[in-house]
Protein backbone atom coordinates (compact mmCIF):
# COMPACT_ATOMS: atom_id res chain seq x y z
CA UNK A 1 0.00 0.00 0.00
CA UNK A 2 1.17 3.47 -0.73
CA UNK A 3 1.24 6.24 1.80
CA UNK A 4 -1.69 7.97 0.07
CA UNK A 5 -3.84 4.87 0.44
CA UNK A 6 -2.88 4.51 4.09
CA UNK A 7 -3.70 8.17 4.71
CA UNK A 8 -7.08 7.84 3.01
CA UNK A 9 -7.90 4.73 5.04
CA UNK A 10 -6.92 6.57 8.22
CA UNK A 11 -9.18 9.48 7.34
CA UNK A 12 -11.99 7.07 6.50
CA UNK A 13 -11.56 5.29 9.82
CA UNK A 14 -11.49 8.63 11.64
CA UNK A 15 -14.78 9.72 10.06
CA UNK A 16 -16.33 6.35 10.83
CA UNK A 17 -15.30 6.67 14.48
CA UNK A 18 -16.51 10.26 14.75
CA UNK A 19 -19.82 9.32 13.15
CA UNK A 20 -20.27 6.39 15.51
CA UNK A 21 -19.61 8.56 18.58
CA UNK A 22 -21.94 11.29 17.29
CA UNK A 23 -24.69 8.74 16.63
CA UNK A 24 -24.23 7.22 20.10
CA UNK A 25 -24.45 10.66 21.77
CA UNK A 26 -27.61 11.53 19.82
CA UNK A 27 -29.18 8.23 20.90
CA UNK A 28 -28.12 8.88 24.51
CA UNK A 29 -29.73 12.33 24.54
CA UNK A 30 -32.90 10.84 23.05
CA UNK A 31 -33.00 8.09 25.66
CA UNK A 32 -32.55 10.61 28.48
CA UNK A 33 -35.40 12.76 27.12
CA UNK A 34 -37.69 9.71 26.83
CA UNK A 35 -36.89 8.65 30.40
CA UNK A 36 -37.54 12.19 31.63
CA UNK A 37 -40.96 12.26 30.00
CA UNK A 38 -41.80 8.81 31.40
CA UNK A 39 -40.86 9.95 34.89
CA UNK A 40 -43.01 13.07 34.51
CA UNK A 41 -45.96 10.91 33.46
CA UNK A 42 -45.77 8.12 36.02
CA UNK A 43 -44.08 9.63 39.08
CA UNK A 44 -46.42 11.28 41.57
CA UNK A 45 -45.99 15.01 41.75
CA UNK A 46 -44.87 16.02 45.22
CA UNK A 47 -44.88 19.70 46.08
CA UNK A 48 -41.59 21.21 47.08
CA UNK A 49 -41.72 22.11 50.78
CA UNK A 50 -41.07 25.70 51.70
CA UNK A 51 -37.92 26.48 53.59
CA UNK A 52 -38.17 25.12 57.10
CA UNK A 53 -36.78 28.26 58.66
CA UNK A 54 -35.60 31.52 57.35
CA UNK A 55 -32.17 32.33 58.61
CA UNK A 56 -31.76 35.79 59.99
CA UNK A 57 -28.85 37.47 61.63
CA UNK A 58 -30.41 36.98 65.03
CA UNK A 59 -30.48 33.20 64.49
CA UNK A 60 -26.72 33.08 63.90
CA UNK A 61 -24.84 32.40 67.12
CA UNK A 62 -21.63 34.23 67.80
CA UNK A 63 -18.67 32.05 68.84
CA UNK A 64 -17.32 32.23 72.37
CA UNK A 65 -14.32 34.37 73.24
CA UNK A 66 -12.17 31.24 73.66
CA UNK A 67 -13.05 30.05 70.17
CA UNK A 68 -12.28 33.47 68.69
CA UNK A 69 -8.93 33.51 70.50
CA UNK A 70 -8.07 30.04 69.17
CA UNK A 71 -8.99 31.08 65.62
CA UNK A 72 -6.90 34.23 65.87
CA UNK A 73 -3.96 32.22 67.24
CA UNK A 74 -4.20 29.73 64.36
CA UNK A 75 -4.30 32.56 61.81
CA UNK A 76 -1.23 34.18 63.38
CA UNK A 77 0.70 30.90 63.36
CA UNK A 78 -0.23 30.27 59.72
CA UNK A 79 0.88 33.74 58.67
CA UNK A 80 4.13 33.39 60.64
CA UNK A 81 4.99 30.12 58.82
CA UNK A 82 4.25 31.60 55.41
CA UNK A 83 6.55 34.53 56.05
PDB file of N, CA and C in Angstrom:
ATOM      1  N   UNK A   1       0.834  -1.176   0.000  1.00  0.00           N
ATOM      2  CA  UNK A   1       0.000   0.000   0.000  1.00  0.00           C
ATOM      3  C   UNK A   1       0.881   1.243   0.000  1.00  0.00           C
ATOM      4  N   UNK A   2       0.420   2.215  -0.705  1.00  0.00           N
ATOM      5  CA  UNK A   2       1.168   3.471  -0.727  1.00  0.00           C
ATOM      6  C   UNK A   2       0.757   4.327   0.454  1.00  0.00           C
ATOM      7  N   UNK A   3       1.537   5.369   0.658  1.00  0.00           N
ATOM      8  CA  UNK A   3       1.239   6.239   1.796  1.00  0.00           C
ATOM      9  C   UNK A   3      -0.076   6.992   1.574  1.00  0.00           C
ATOM     10  N   UNK A   4      -0.414   7.296   0.336  1.00  0.00           N
ATOM     11  CA  UNK A   4      -1.687   7.970   0.067  1.00  0.00           C
ATOM     12  C   UNK A   4      -2.863   7.073   0.425  1.00  0.00           C
ATOM     13  N   UNK A   5      -2.766   5.802   0.111  1.00  0.00           N
ATOM     14  CA  UNK A   5      -3.843   4.868   0.437  1.00  0.00           C
ATOM     15  C   UNK A   5      -3.985   4.710   1.949  1.00  0.00           C
ATOM     16  N   UNK A   6      -2.844   4.621   2.637  1.00  0.00           N
ATOM     17  CA  UNK A   6      -2.885   4.512   4.088  1.00  0.00           C
ATOM     18  C   UNK A   6      -3.500   5.768   4.715  1.00  0.00           C
ATOM     19  N   UNK A   7      -3.151   6.925   4.190  1.00  0.00           N
ATOM     20  CA  UNK A   7      -3.699   8.169   4.707  1.00  0.00           C
ATOM     21  C   UNK A   7      -5.209   8.233   4.478  1.00  0.00           C
ATOM     22  N   UNK A   8      -5.654   7.840   3.297  1.00  0.00           N
ATOM     23  CA  UNK A   8      -7.083   7.844   3.010  1.00  0.00           C
ATOM     24  C   UNK A   8      -7.842   6.849   3.896  1.00  0.00           C
ATOM     25  N   UNK A   9      -7.259   5.687   4.144  1.00  0.00           N
ATOM     26  CA  UNK A   9      -7.899   4.727   5.041  1.00  0.00           C
ATOM     27  C   UNK A   9      -7.952   5.266   6.467  1.00  0.00           C
ATOM     28  N   UNK A  10      -6.920   5.968   6.888  1.00  0.00           N
ATOM     29  CA  UNK A  10      -6.921   6.570   8.221  1.00  0.00           C
ATOM     30  C   UNK A  10      -7.996   7.630   8.359  1.00  0.00           C
ATOM     31  N   UNK A  11      -8.142   8.461   7.319  1.00  0.00           N
ATOM     32  CA  UNK A  11      -9.184   9.485   7.345  1.00  0.00           C
ATOM     33  C   UNK A  11     -10.556   8.834   7.341  1.00  0.00           C
ATOM     34  N   UNK A  12     -10.720   7.788   6.553  1.00  0.00           N
ATOM     35  CA  UNK A  12     -11.993   7.073   6.502  1.00  0.00           C
ATOM     36  C   UNK A  12     -12.327   6.468   7.870  1.00  0.00           C
ATOM     37  N   UNK A  13     -11.362   5.869   8.496  1.00  0.00           N
ATOM     38  CA  UNK A  13     -11.561   5.293   9.818  1.00  0.00           C
ATOM     39  C   UNK A  13     -11.885   6.371  10.854  1.00  0.00           C
ATOM     40  N   UNK A  14     -11.226   7.525  10.727  1.00  0.00           N
ATOM     41  CA  UNK A  14     -11.490   8.629  11.639  1.00  0.00           C
ATOM     42  C   UNK A  14     -12.943   9.101  11.500  1.00  0.00           C
ATOM     43  N   UNK A  15     -13.402   9.287  10.265  1.00  0.00           N
ATOM     44  CA  UNK A  15     -14.777   9.724  10.055  1.00  0.00           C
ATOM     45  C   UNK A  15     -15.784   8.678  10.522  1.00  0.00           C
ATOM     46  N   UNK A  16     -15.459   7.412  10.343  1.00  0.00           N
ATOM     47  CA  UNK A  16     -16.327   6.354  10.829  1.00  0.00           C
ATOM     48  C   UNK A  16     -16.434   6.406  12.354  1.00  0.00           C
ATOM     49  N   UNK A  17     -15.308   6.588  13.021  1.00  0.00           N
ATOM     50  CA  UNK A  17     -15.304   6.670  14.481  1.00  0.00           C
ATOM     51  C   UNK A  17     -16.045   7.895  14.983  1.00  0.00           C
ATOM     52  N   UNK A  18     -15.816   9.047  14.351  1.00  0.00           N
ATOM     53  CA  UNK A  18     -16.512  10.263  14.755  1.00  0.00           C
ATOM     54  C   UNK A  18     -18.012  10.127  14.535  1.00  0.00           C
ATOM     55  N   UNK A  19     -18.398   9.519  13.432  1.00  0.00           N
ATOM     56  CA  UNK A  19     -19.818   9.319  13.153  1.00  0.00           C
ATOM     57  C   UNK A  19     -20.459   8.387  14.162  1.00  0.00           C
ATOM     58  N   UNK A  20     -19.753   7.339  14.524  1.00  0.00           N
ATOM     59  CA  UNK A  20     -20.268   6.393  15.506  1.00  0.00           C
ATOM     60  C   UNK A  20     -20.470   7.066  16.857  1.00  0.00           C
ATOM     61  N   UNK A  21     -19.498   7.857  17.289  1.00  0.00           N
ATOM     62  CA  UNK A  21     -19.605   8.559  18.575  1.00  0.00           C
ATOM     63  C   UNK A  21     -20.747   9.569  18.524  1.00  0.00           C
ATOM     64  N   UNK A  22     -20.864  10.315  17.427  1.00  0.00           N
ATOM     65  CA  UNK A  22     -21.940  11.291  17.289  1.00  0.00           C
ATOM     66  C   UNK A  22     -23.297  10.602  17.340  1.00  0.00           C
ATOM     67  N   UNK A  23     -23.434   9.483  16.633  1.00  0.00           N
ATOM     68  CA  UNK A  23     -24.693   8.739  16.633  1.00  0.00           C
ATOM     69  C   UNK A  23     -25.010   8.225  18.036  1.00  0.00           C
ATOM     70  N   UNK A  24     -24.019   7.707  18.738  1.00  0.00           N
ATOM     71  CA  UNK A  24     -24.226   7.225  20.095  1.00  0.00           C
ATOM     72  C   UNK A  24     -24.692   8.350  21.013  1.00  0.00           C
ATOM     73  N   UNK A  25     -24.068   9.536  20.915  1.00  0.00           N
ATOM     74  CA  UNK A  25     -24.454  10.656  21.769  1.00  0.00           C
ATOM     75  C   UNK A  25     -25.866  11.131  21.458  1.00  0.00           C
ATOM     76  N   UNK A  26     -26.247  11.147  20.184  1.00  0.00           N
ATOM     77  CA  UNK A  26     -27.612  11.529  19.820  1.00  0.00           C
ATOM     78  C   UNK A  26     -28.606  10.531  20.412  1.00  0.00           C
ATOM     79  N   UNK A  27     -28.290   9.243  20.329  1.00  0.00           N
ATOM     80  CA  UNK A  27     -29.176   8.227  20.901  1.00  0.00           C
ATOM     81  C   UNK A  27     -29.252   8.369  22.419  1.00  0.00           C
ATOM     82  N   UNK A  28     -28.143   8.711  23.056  1.00  0.00           N
ATOM     83  CA  UNK A  28     -28.118   8.885  24.508  1.00  0.00           C
ATOM     84  C   UNK A  28     -28.990  10.065  24.927  1.00  0.00           C
ATOM     85  N   UNK A  29     -28.898  11.174  24.221  1.00  0.00           N
ATOM     86  CA  UNK A  29     -29.734  12.334  24.539  1.00  0.00           C
ATOM     87  C   UNK A  29     -31.204  11.979  24.349  1.00  0.00           C
ATOM     88  N   UNK A  30     -31.516  11.260  23.274  1.00  0.00           N
ATOM     89  CA  UNK A  30     -32.899  10.842  23.047  1.00  0.00           C
ATOM     90  C   UNK A  30     -33.409   9.939  24.156  1.00  0.00           C
ATOM     91  N   UNK A  31     -32.590   8.995  24.593  1.00  0.00           N
ATOM     92  CA  UNK A  31     -32.997   8.088  25.663  1.00  0.00           C
ATOM     93  C   UNK A  31     -33.228   8.850  26.966  1.00  0.00           C
ATOM     94  N   UNK A  32     -32.389   9.828  27.254  1.00  0.00           N
ATOM     95  CA  UNK A  32     -32.553  10.612  28.478  1.00  0.00           C
ATOM     96  C   UNK A  32     -33.846  11.418  28.417  1.00  0.00           C
ATOM     97  N   UNK A  33     -34.159  11.992  27.259  1.00  0.00           N
ATOM     98  CA  UNK A  33     -35.405  12.756  27.125  1.00  0.00           C
ATOM     99  C   UNK A  33     -36.626  11.855  27.280  1.00  0.00           C
ATOM    100  N   UNK A  34     -36.558  10.639  26.699  1.00  0.00           N
ATOM    101  CA  UNK A  34     -37.686   9.705  26.829  1.00  0.00           C
ATOM    102  C   UNK A  34     -37.866   9.315  28.292  1.00  0.00           C
ATOM    103  N   UNK A  35     -36.786   9.017  28.988  1.00  0.00           N
ATOM    104  CA  UNK A  35     -36.891   8.654  30.401  1.00  0.00           C
ATOM    105  C   UNK A  35     -37.434   9.809  31.226  1.00  0.00           C
ATOM    106  N   UNK A  36     -37.035  11.036  30.907  1.00  0.00           N
ATOM    107  CA  UNK A  36     -37.539  12.194  31.633  1.00  0.00           C
ATOM    108  C   UNK A  36     -39.044  12.336  31.449  1.00  0.00           C
ATOM    109  N   UNK A  37     -39.514  12.153  30.245  1.00  0.00           N
ATOM    110  CA  UNK A  37     -40.957  12.259  30.003  1.00  0.00           C
ATOM    111  C   UNK A  37     -41.717  11.132  30.702  1.00  0.00           C
ATOM    112  N   UNK A  38     -41.146   9.918  30.712  1.00  0.00           N
ATOM    113  CA  UNK A  38     -41.803   8.810  31.404  1.00  0.00           C
ATOM    114  C   UNK A  38     -41.890   9.075  32.903  1.00  0.00           C
ATOM    115  N   UNK A  39     -40.843   9.644  33.464  1.00  0.00           N
ATOM    116  CA  UNK A  39     -40.855   9.955  34.886  1.00  0.00           C
ATOM    117  C   UNK A  39     -41.903  11.025  35.178  1.00  0.00           C
ATOM    118  N   UNK A  40     -41.995  12.030  34.302  1.00  0.00           N
ATOM    119  CA  UNK A  40     -43.009  13.066  34.508  1.00  0.00           C
ATOM    120  C   UNK A  40     -44.423  12.493  34.443  1.00  0.00           C
ATOM    121  N   UNK A  41     -44.626  11.494  33.608  1.00  0.00           N
ATOM    122  CA  UNK A  41     -45.959  10.912  33.457  1.00  0.00           C
ATOM    123  C   UNK A  41     -46.343  10.018  34.627  1.00  0.00           C
ATOM    124  N   UNK A  42     -45.425   9.167  35.063  1.00  0.00           N
ATOM    125  CA  UNK A  42     -45.768   8.125  36.023  1.00  0.00           C
ATOM    126  C   UNK A  42     -45.406   8.433  37.468  1.00  0.00           C
ATOM    127  N   UNK A  43     -44.481   9.316  37.703  1.00  0.00           N
ATOM    128  CA  UNK A  43     -44.085   9.627  39.081  1.00  0.00           C
ATOM    129  C   UNK A  43     -45.107  10.582  39.692  1.00  0.00           C
ATOM    130  N   UNK A  44     -45.474  10.360  40.934  1.00  0.00           N
ATOM    131  CA  UNK A  44     -46.420  11.285  41.569  1.00  0.00           C
ATOM    132  C   UNK A  44     -45.757  12.641  41.788  1.00  0.00           C
ATOM    133  N   UNK A  45     -46.521  13.665  41.561  1.00  0.00           N
ATOM    134  CA  UNK A  45     -45.994  15.012  41.745  1.00  0.00           C
ATOM    135  C   UNK A  45     -46.059  15.376  43.220  1.00  0.00           C
ATOM    136  N   UNK A  46     -44.919  15.623  43.816  1.00  0.00           N
ATOM    137  CA  UNK A  46     -44.871  16.024  45.217  1.00  0.00           C
ATOM    138  C   UNK A  46     -44.484  17.494  45.273  1.00  0.00           C
ATOM    139  N   UNK A  47     -45.222  18.279  46.008  1.00  0.00           N
ATOM    140  CA  UNK A  47     -44.883  19.698  46.083  1.00  0.00           C
ATOM    141  C   UNK A  47     -43.577  19.907  46.837  1.00  0.00           C
ATOM    142  N   UNK A  48     -42.860  20.891  46.429  1.00  0.00           N
ATOM    143  CA  UNK A  48     -41.595  21.207  47.079  1.00  0.00           C
ATOM    144  C   UNK A  48     -41.907  21.954  48.371  1.00  0.00           C
ATOM    145  N   UNK A  49     -41.422  21.434  49.510  1.00  0.00           N
ATOM    146  CA  UNK A  49     -41.724  22.112  50.778  1.00  0.00           C
ATOM    147  C   UNK A  49     -41.021  23.461  50.853  1.00  0.00           C
ATOM    148  N   UNK A  50     -41.671  24.391  51.498  1.00  0.00           N
ATOM    149  CA  UNK A  50     -41.066  25.703  51.705  1.00  0.00           C
ATOM    150  C   UNK A  50     -39.904  25.554  52.672  1.00  0.00           C
ATOM    151  N   UNK A  51     -39.078  26.531  52.698  1.00  0.00           N
ATOM    152  CA  UNK A  51     -37.917  26.481  53.586  1.00  0.00           C
ATOM    153  C   UNK A  51     -38.394  26.315  55.027  1.00  0.00           C
ATOM    154  N   UNK A  52     -37.754  25.420  55.737  1.00  0.00           N
ATOM    155  CA  UNK A  52     -38.170  25.118  57.101  1.00  0.00           C
ATOM    156  C   UNK A  52     -38.050  26.346  57.995  1.00  0.00           C
ATOM    157  N   UNK A  53     -36.939  27.048  57.868  1.00  0.00           N
ATOM    158  CA  UNK A  53     -36.777  28.256  58.657  1.00  0.00           C
ATOM    159  C   UNK A  53     -36.069  29.273  57.787  1.00  0.00           C
ATOM    160  N   UNK A  54     -36.374  30.487  58.030  1.00  0.00           N
ATOM    161  CA  UNK A  54     -35.604  31.522  57.354  1.00  0.00           C
ATOM    162  C   UNK A  54     -34.498  31.945  58.304  1.00  0.00           C
ATOM    163  N   UNK A  55     -33.312  31.992  57.772  1.00  0.00           N
ATOM    164  CA  UNK A  55     -32.174  32.326  58.607  1.00  0.00           C
ATOM    165  C   UNK A  55     -32.008  33.839  58.632  1.00  0.00           C
ATOM    166  N   UNK A  56     -31.983  34.368  59.817  1.00  0.00           N
ATOM    167  CA  UNK A  56     -31.757  35.794  59.988  1.00  0.00           C
ATOM    168  C   UNK A  56     -30.489  35.988  60.792  1.00  0.00           C
ATOM    169  N   UNK A  57     -30.071  37.205  60.878  1.00  0.00           N
ATOM    170  CA  UNK A  57     -28.847  37.474  61.629  1.00  0.00           C
ATOM    171  C   UNK A  57     -29.006  37.155  63.108  1.00  0.00           C
ATOM    172  N   UNK A  58     -30.212  37.277  63.606  1.00  0.00           N
ATOM    173  CA  UNK A  58     -30.410  36.981  65.026  1.00  0.00           C
ATOM    174  C   UNK A  58     -30.303  35.489  65.308  1.00  0.00           C
ATOM    175  N   UNK A  59     -30.548  34.646  64.281  1.00  0.00           N
ATOM    176  CA  UNK A  59     -30.484  33.205  64.488  1.00  0.00           C
ATOM    177  C   UNK A  59     -29.044  32.699  64.475  1.00  0.00           C
ATOM    178  N   UNK A  60     -28.122  33.503  63.971  1.00  0.00           N
ATOM    179  CA  UNK A  60     -26.722  33.083  63.899  1.00  0.00           C
ATOM    180  C   UNK A  60     -26.080  33.325  65.263  1.00  0.00           C
ATOM    181  N   UNK A  61     -25.470  32.283  65.808  1.00  0.00           N
ATOM    182  CA  UNK A  61     -24.839  32.398  67.117  1.00  0.00           C
ATOM    183  C   UNK A  61     -23.403  32.874  66.948  1.00  0.00           C
ATOM    184  N   UNK A  62     -22.997  33.746  67.810  1.00  0.00           N
ATOM    185  CA  UNK A  62     -21.626  34.226  67.803  1.00  0.00           C
ATOM    186  C   UNK A  62     -20.760  33.254  68.580  1.00  0.00           C
ATOM    187  N   UNK A  63     -19.552  32.963  68.103  1.00  0.00           N
ATOM    188  CA  UNK A  63     -18.673  32.047  68.843  1.00  0.00           C
ATOM    189  C   UNK A  63     -18.195  32.673  70.151  1.00  0.00           C
ATOM    190  N   UNK A  64     -17.814  31.785  71.062  1.00  0.00           N
ATOM    191  CA  UNK A  64     -17.323  32.226  72.368  1.00  0.00           C
ATOM    192  C   UNK A  64     -15.986  32.947  72.206  1.00  0.00           C
ATOM    193  N   UNK A  65     -15.589  33.644  73.248  1.00  0.00           N
ATOM    194  CA  UNK A  65     -14.320  34.374  73.237  1.00  0.00           C
ATOM    195  C   UNK A  65     -13.145  33.406  73.116  1.00  0.00           C
ATOM    196  N   UNK A  66     -13.251  32.230  73.748  1.00  0.00           N
ATOM    197  CA  UNK A  66     -12.171  31.237  73.664  1.00  0.00           C
ATOM    198  C   UNK A  66     -12.004  30.744  72.230  1.00  0.00           C
ATOM    199  N   UNK A  67     -13.112  30.526  71.560  1.00  0.00           N
ATOM    200  CA  UNK A  67     -13.050  30.053  70.168  1.00  0.00           C
ATOM    201  C   UNK A  67     -12.447  31.127  69.280  1.00  0.00           C
ATOM    202  N   UNK A  68     -12.854  32.373  69.476  1.00  0.00           N
ATOM    203  CA  UNK A  68     -12.281  33.467  68.693  1.00  0.00           C
ATOM    204  C   UNK A  68     -10.784  33.611  68.931  1.00  0.00           C
ATOM    205  N   UNK A  69     -10.357  33.436  70.178  1.00  0.00           N
ATOM    206  CA  UNK A  69      -8.927  33.514  70.502  1.00  0.00           C
ATOM    207  C   UNK A  69      -8.164  32.373  69.829  1.00  0.00           C
ATOM    208  N   UNK A  70      -8.734  31.178  69.813  1.00  0.00           N
ATOM    209  CA  UNK A  70      -8.072  30.039  69.172  1.00  0.00           C
ATOM    210  C   UNK A  70      -7.973  30.252  67.661  1.00  0.00           C
ATOM    211  N   UNK A  71      -9.025  30.798  67.059  1.00  0.00           N
ATOM    212  CA  UNK A  71      -8.988  31.075  65.615  1.00  0.00           C
ATOM    213  C   UNK A  71      -7.926  32.121  65.300  1.00  0.00           C
ATOM    214  N   UNK A  72      -7.886  33.180  66.092  1.00  0.00           N
ATOM    215  CA  UNK A  72      -6.897  34.229  65.872  1.00  0.00           C
ATOM    216  C   UNK A  72      -5.480  33.691  66.043  1.00  0.00           C
ATOM    217  N   UNK A  73      -5.272  32.825  67.022  1.00  0.00           N
ATOM    218  CA  UNK A  73      -3.955  32.220  67.236  1.00  0.00           C
ATOM    219  C   UNK A  73      -3.552  31.358  66.046  1.00  0.00           C
ATOM    220  N   UNK A  74      -4.493  30.582  65.515  1.00  0.00           N
ATOM    221  CA  UNK A  74      -4.197  29.731  64.359  1.00  0.00           C
ATOM    222  C   UNK A  74      -3.862  30.574  63.133  1.00  0.00           C
ATOM    223  N   UNK A  75      -4.580  31.674  62.952  1.00  0.00           N
ATOM    224  CA  UNK A  75      -4.299  32.563  61.814  1.00  0.00           C
ATOM    225  C   UNK A  75      -2.912  33.167  61.950  1.00  0.00           C
ATOM    226  N   UNK A  76      -2.562  33.596  63.161  1.00  0.00           N
ATOM    227  CA  UNK A  76      -1.234  34.184  63.379  1.00  0.00           C
ATOM    228  C   UNK A  76      -0.130  33.165  63.136  1.00  0.00           C
ATOM    229  N   UNK A  77      -0.316  31.931  63.590  1.00  0.00           N
ATOM    230  CA  UNK A  77       0.698  30.899  63.358  1.00  0.00           C
ATOM    231  C   UNK A  77       0.842  30.587  61.866  1.00  0.00           C
ATOM    232  N   UNK A  78      -0.281  30.552  61.170  1.00  0.00           N
ATOM    233  CA  UNK A  78      -0.233  30.269  59.723  1.00  0.00           C
ATOM    234  C   UNK A  78       0.504  31.373  58.992  1.00  0.00           C
ATOM    235  N   UNK A  79       0.211  32.612  59.335  1.00  0.00           N
ATOM    236  CA  UNK A  79       0.880  33.742  58.671  1.00  0.00           C
ATOM    237  C   UNK A  79       2.360  33.780  59.010  1.00  0.00           C
ATOM    238  N   UNK A  80       2.726  33.389  60.235  1.00  0.00           N
ATOM    239  CA  UNK A  80       4.133  33.389  60.638  1.00  0.00           C
ATOM    240  C   UNK A  80       4.911  32.327  59.861  1.00  0.00           C
ATOM    241  N   UNK A  81       4.315  31.194  59.572  1.00  0.00           N
ATOM    242  CA  UNK A  81       4.988  30.124  58.823  1.00  0.00           C
ATOM    243  C   UNK A  81       5.176  30.510  57.361  1.00  0.00           C
ATOM    244  N   UNK A  82       4.193  31.223  56.824  1.00  0.00           N
ATOM    245  CA  UNK A  82       4.250  31.603  55.405  1.00  0.00           C
ATOM    246  C   UNK A  82       5.279  32.705  55.171  1.00  0.00           C
ATOM    247  N   UNK A  83       5.538  33.500  56.169  1.00  0.00           N
ATOM    248  CA  UNK A  83       6.551  34.530  56.053  1.00  0.00           C
ATOM    249  C   UNK A  83       6.087  35.876  55.707  1.00  0.00           C
TER     250      UNK A  83
END
